Amino acid sequence: MFRCYSEGHPEVTYSWVHNGVAVRQSSRVILHEKGEVLEIRSIDQLDGGQYRCKAQNEMGEVSSSYAQLSISTGMYDGRLQNQFFVRIG
């Protein structure tokens, strides 16, 4: 899960970008808490890349730093599994 937090008045809305493309909610990609939290279920190689959150209201907008999600597949404990790494900035 990725979490984005911002305060503002009027109320802030959130949106997410993955590798420069707007993230859309689906059965695997869920936005919680008015878009503040991005959850990706059953993650796979295509989910890797850069994620960024944008918070906006009628007064303006601000974007987060990029978070890099890296995914590697390998054998762990005798089973093929994905391993995930997140780097911020």
N, C-alpha and C. Protein backbone atom coordinates (compact mmCIF):
# COMPACT_ATOMS: atom_id res chain seq x y z
N MET A 1 0.83 -1.17 0.00
CA MET A 1 0.00 0.00 0.00
C MET A 1 0.88 1.24 0.00
N PHE A 2 0.43 2.23 -0.73
CA PHE A 2 1.03 3.55 -0.70
C PHE A 2 0.04 4.49 -0.03
N ARG A 3 0.56 5.42 0.78
CA ARG A 3 -0.31 6.38 1.46
C ARG A 3 0.18 7.79 1.14
N CYS A 4 -0.79 8.67 0.87
CA CYS A 4 -0.51 10.07 0.57
C CYS A 4 -1.29 10.90 1.58
N TYR A 5 -0.67 11.91 2.16
CA TYR A 5 -1.36 12.72 3.15
C TYR A 5 -1.14 14.20 2.86
N SER A 6 -2.21 14.95 2.91
CA SER A 6 -2.14 16.39 2.73
C SER A 6 -3.31 17.01 3.48
N GLU A 7 -3.12 18.20 4.01
CA GLU A 7 -4.21 18.93 4.66
C GLU A 7 -4.55 20.14 3.82
N GLY A 8 -5.82 20.49 3.80
CA GLY A 8 -6.22 21.68 3.07
C GLY A 8 -7.70 21.98 3.26
N HIS A 9 -8.02 23.22 3.02
CA HIS A 9 -9.41 23.65 3.05
C HIS A 9 -9.62 24.57 1.87
N PRO A 10 -10.54 24.28 0.98
CA PRO A 10 -11.52 23.19 1.03
C PRO A 10 -10.86 21.81 0.94
N GLU A 11 -11.69 20.80 1.16
CA GLU A 11 -11.23 19.42 1.23
C GLU A 11 -10.36 19.05 0.03
N VAL A 12 -9.34 18.24 0.31
CA VAL A 12 -8.38 17.80 -0.70
C VAL A 12 -8.86 16.52 -1.36
N THR A 13 -8.66 16.40 -2.67
CA THR A 13 -8.90 15.14 -3.38
C THR A 13 -7.55 14.61 -3.85
N TYR A 14 -7.48 13.30 -4.03
CA TYR A 14 -6.23 12.65 -4.37
C TYR A 14 -6.34 11.91 -5.70
N SER A 15 -5.24 11.88 -6.41
CA SER A 15 -5.13 11.04 -7.60
C SER A 15 -3.72 10.45 -7.63
N TRP A 16 -3.56 9.36 -8.35
CA TRP A 16 -2.29 8.64 -8.42
C TRP A 16 -1.87 8.48 -9.87
N VAL A 17 -0.55 8.46 -10.08
CA VAL A 17 0.03 8.24 -11.40
C VAL A 17 1.03 7.10 -11.29
N HIS A 18 0.99 6.19 -12.26
CA HIS A 18 1.94 5.08 -12.35
C HIS A 18 2.66 5.20 -13.69
N ASN A 19 3.96 5.44 -13.65
CA ASN A 19 4.77 5.61 -14.86
C ASN A 19 4.15 6.66 -15.80
N GLY A 20 3.65 7.74 -15.23
CA GLY A 20 3.11 8.85 -16.01
C GLY A 20 1.68 8.70 -16.47
N VAL A 21 1.02 7.59 -16.10
CA VAL A 21 -0.36 7.33 -16.52
C VAL A 21 -1.26 7.31 -15.29
N ALA A 22 -2.41 7.96 -15.39
CA ALA A 22 -3.35 7.99 -14.26
C ALA A 22 -3.74 6.58 -13.84
N VAL A 23 -3.74 6.34 -12.54
CA VAL A 23 -4.14 5.04 -11.98
C VAL A 23 -5.66 4.99 -11.93
N ARG A 24 -6.23 3.93 -12.42
CA ARG A 24 -7.68 3.71 -12.39
C ARG A 24 -7.99 2.56 -11.44
N GLN A 25 -9.05 2.72 -10.67
CA GLN A 25 -9.47 1.67 -9.76
C GLN A 25 -9.98 0.47 -10.55
N SER A 26 -9.68 -0.73 -10.04
CA SER A 26 -10.11 -1.98 -10.68
C SER A 26 -10.27 -3.03 -9.58
N SER A 27 -10.45 -4.28 -9.98
CA SER A 27 -10.58 -5.36 -8.99
C SER A 27 -9.25 -5.58 -8.24
N ARG A 28 -8.12 -5.21 -8.85
CA ARG A 28 -6.80 -5.36 -8.21
C ARG A 28 -6.27 -4.07 -7.62
N VAL A 29 -6.70 -2.94 -8.15
CA VAL A 29 -6.21 -1.64 -7.70
C VAL A 29 -7.35 -0.93 -6.96
N ILE A 30 -7.16 -0.74 -5.67
CA ILE A 30 -8.22 -0.18 -4.83
C ILE A 30 -7.73 1.11 -4.20
N LEU A 31 -8.57 2.14 -4.27
CA LEU A 31 -8.28 3.41 -3.62
C LEU A 31 -9.12 3.48 -2.35
N HIS A 32 -8.47 3.69 -1.22
CA HIS A 32 -9.15 3.78 0.08
C HIS A 32 -9.08 5.21 0.58
N GLU A 33 -9.94 5.52 1.54
CA GLU A 33 -9.92 6.79 2.26
C GLU A 33 -9.88 7.98 1.30
N LYS A 34 -10.85 8.03 0.40
CA LYS A 34 -11.01 9.12 -0.58
C LYS A 34 -9.81 9.24 -1.51
N GLY A 35 -9.13 8.12 -1.76
CA GLY A 35 -7.99 8.12 -2.66
C GLY A 35 -6.66 8.32 -1.98
N GLU A 36 -6.67 8.54 -0.68
CA GLU A 36 -5.44 8.78 0.07
C GLU A 36 -4.54 7.55 0.11
N VAL A 37 -5.12 6.36 0.04
CA VAL A 37 -4.37 5.10 0.10
C VAL A 37 -4.58 4.32 -1.19
N LEU A 38 -3.47 3.88 -1.78
CA LEU A 38 -3.48 3.06 -2.99
C LEU A 38 -3.05 1.65 -2.62
N GLU A 39 -3.92 0.68 -2.86
CA GLU A 39 -3.62 -0.73 -2.59
C GLU A 39 -3.61 -1.49 -3.91
N ILE A 40 -2.57 -2.29 -4.11
CA ILE A 40 -2.47 -3.13 -5.31
C ILE A 40 -2.47 -4.58 -4.84
N ARG A 41 -3.45 -5.33 -5.30
CA ARG A 41 -3.57 -6.75 -4.92
C ARG A 41 -3.02 -7.63 -6.04
N SER A 42 -2.57 -8.82 -5.71
CA SER A 42 -2.03 -9.78 -6.68
C SER A 42 -1.03 -9.09 -7.60
N ILE A 43 -0.06 -8.49 -7.00
CA ILE A 43 0.92 -7.67 -7.71
C ILE A 43 1.71 -8.53 -8.71
N ASP A 44 2.05 -7.93 -9.85
CA ASP A 44 2.87 -8.64 -10.84
C ASP A 44 3.89 -7.68 -11.43
N GLN A 45 4.69 -8.16 -12.37
CA GLN A 45 5.78 -7.38 -12.94
C GLN A 45 5.31 -6.05 -13.54
N LEU A 46 4.13 -6.02 -14.14
CA LEU A 46 3.63 -4.80 -14.78
C LEU A 46 3.32 -3.70 -13.76
N ASP A 47 3.19 -4.06 -12.50
CA ASP A 47 2.91 -3.08 -11.45
C ASP A 47 4.17 -2.33 -11.03
N GLY A 48 5.34 -2.82 -11.42
CA GLY A 48 6.58 -2.15 -11.07
C GLY A 48 6.68 -0.79 -11.75
N GLY A 49 7.47 0.09 -11.17
CA GLY A 49 7.70 1.40 -11.76
C GLY A 49 7.52 2.51 -10.75
N GLN A 50 7.30 3.72 -11.26
CA GLN A 50 7.21 4.90 -10.41
C GLN A 50 5.76 5.26 -10.12
N TYR A 51 5.49 5.54 -8.85
CA TYR A 51 4.17 5.97 -8.39
C TYR A 51 4.30 7.36 -7.78
N ARG A 52 3.29 8.17 -8.02
CA ARG A 52 3.27 9.52 -7.47
C ARG A 52 1.83 9.89 -7.12
N CYS A 53 1.67 10.59 -6.03
CA CYS A 53 0.36 11.05 -5.58
C CYS A 53 0.23 12.54 -5.84
N LYS A 54 -0.97 12.96 -6.21
CA LYS A 54 -1.26 14.38 -6.37
C LYS A 54 -2.45 14.72 -5.47
N ALA A 55 -2.29 15.76 -4.64
CA ALA A 55 -3.36 16.25 -3.79
C ALA A 55 -3.77 17.61 -4.34
N GLN A 56 -5.09 17.81 -4.49
CA GLN A 56 -5.54 19.07 -5.06
C GLN A 56 -6.88 19.51 -4.48
N ASN A 57 -7.07 20.81 -4.50
CA ASN A 57 -8.37 21.42 -4.23
C ASN A 57 -8.43 22.70 -5.06
N GLU A 58 -9.46 23.50 -4.87
CA GLU A 58 -9.62 24.67 -5.71
C GLU A 58 -8.55 25.74 -5.47
N MET A 59 -7.77 25.59 -4.41
CA MET A 59 -6.69 26.54 -4.12
C MET A 59 -5.38 26.17 -4.83
N GLY A 60 -5.27 24.92 -5.32
CA GLY A 60 -4.06 24.50 -6.01
C GLY A 60 -3.82 23.01 -5.88
N GLU A 61 -2.60 22.62 -6.21
CA GLU A 61 -2.25 21.20 -6.14
C GLU A 61 -0.78 21.05 -5.76
N VAL A 62 -0.47 19.87 -5.23
CA VAL A 62 0.90 19.53 -4.88
C VAL A 62 1.08 18.04 -5.18
N SER A 63 2.29 17.68 -5.65
CA SER A 63 2.58 16.28 -5.97
C SER A 63 3.68 15.76 -5.05
N SER A 64 3.60 14.49 -4.74
CA SER A 64 4.60 13.84 -3.90
C SER A 64 5.86 13.56 -4.71
N SER A 65 6.90 13.15 -4.02
CA SER A 65 8.07 12.57 -4.68
C SER A 65 7.65 11.24 -5.27
N TYR A 66 8.44 10.73 -6.19
CA TYR A 66 8.15 9.41 -6.75
C TYR A 66 8.54 8.32 -5.77
N ALA A 67 7.75 7.25 -5.74
CA ALA A 67 8.10 6.02 -5.04
C ALA A 67 8.34 4.97 -6.12
N GLN A 68 9.49 4.33 -6.09
CA GLN A 68 9.84 3.32 -7.09
C GLN A 68 9.51 1.94 -6.53
N LEU A 69 8.61 1.22 -7.20
CA LEU A 69 8.26 -0.15 -6.82
C LEU A 69 9.01 -1.09 -7.75
N SER A 70 9.91 -1.88 -7.17
CA SER A 70 10.68 -2.86 -7.95
C SER A 70 10.24 -4.26 -7.55
N ILE A 71 10.09 -5.12 -8.54
CA ILE A 71 9.61 -6.48 -8.31
C ILE A 71 10.60 -7.45 -8.92
N SER A 72 11.02 -8.42 -8.14
CA SER A 72 11.88 -9.47 -8.68
C SER A 72 11.26 -10.82 -8.36
N THR A 73 11.41 -11.75 -9.26
CA THR A 73 10.86 -13.09 -9.10
C THR A 73 12.02 -14.04 -8.90
N GLY A 74 11.88 -14.94 -7.95
CA GLY A 74 12.93 -15.90 -7.70
C GLY A 74 12.44 -17.02 -6.81
N MET A 75 13.35 -17.92 -6.51
CA MET A 75 13.03 -19.05 -5.64
C MET A 75 13.32 -18.66 -4.20
N TYR A 76 12.32 -18.79 -3.36
CA TYR A 76 12.46 -18.54 -1.94
C TYR A 76 11.84 -19.72 -1.20
N ASP A 77 12.61 -20.34 -0.34
CA ASP A 77 12.14 -21.52 0.40
C ASP A 77 11.63 -22.59 -0.55
N GLY A 78 12.28 -22.75 -1.71
CA GLY A 78 11.90 -23.79 -2.66
C GLY A 78 10.67 -23.48 -3.49
N ARG A 79 10.12 -22.26 -3.37
CA ARG A 79 8.93 -21.88 -4.14
C ARG A 79 9.23 -20.63 -4.95
N LEU A 80 8.59 -20.53 -6.12
CA LEU A 80 8.71 -19.34 -6.95
C LEU A 80 7.82 -18.25 -6.37
N GLN A 81 8.43 -17.12 -6.01
CA GLN A 81 7.68 -16.03 -5.38
C GLN A 81 8.17 -14.70 -5.91
N ASN A 82 7.30 -13.69 -5.80
CA ASN A 82 7.70 -12.32 -6.09
C ASN A 82 8.25 -11.68 -4.83
N GLN A 83 9.22 -10.81 -5.00
CA GLN A 83 9.76 -10.04 -3.90
C GLN A 83 9.63 -8.57 -4.29
N PHE A 84 9.23 -7.71 -3.35
CA PHE A 84 8.93 -6.32 -3.65
C PHE A 84 9.88 -5.39 -2.90
N PHE A 85 10.29 -4.33 -3.58
CA PHE A 85 11.13 -3.32 -2.98
C PHE A 85 10.56 -1.96 -3.32
N VAL A 86 10.51 -1.06 -2.36
CA VAL A 86 10.01 0.30 -2.61
C VAL A 86 11.11 1.28 -2.20
N ARG A 87 11.40 2.20 -3.11
CA ARG A 87 12.38 3.27 -2.84
C ARG A 87 11.65 4.59 -3.04
N ILE A 88 11.77 5.49 -2.08
CA ILE A 88 11.13 6.79 -2.15
C ILE A 88 12.15 7.83 -2.60
N GLY A 89 11.71 8.71 -3.51
CA GLY A 89 12.57 9.81 -3.95
C GLY A 89 13.14 9.59 -5.23
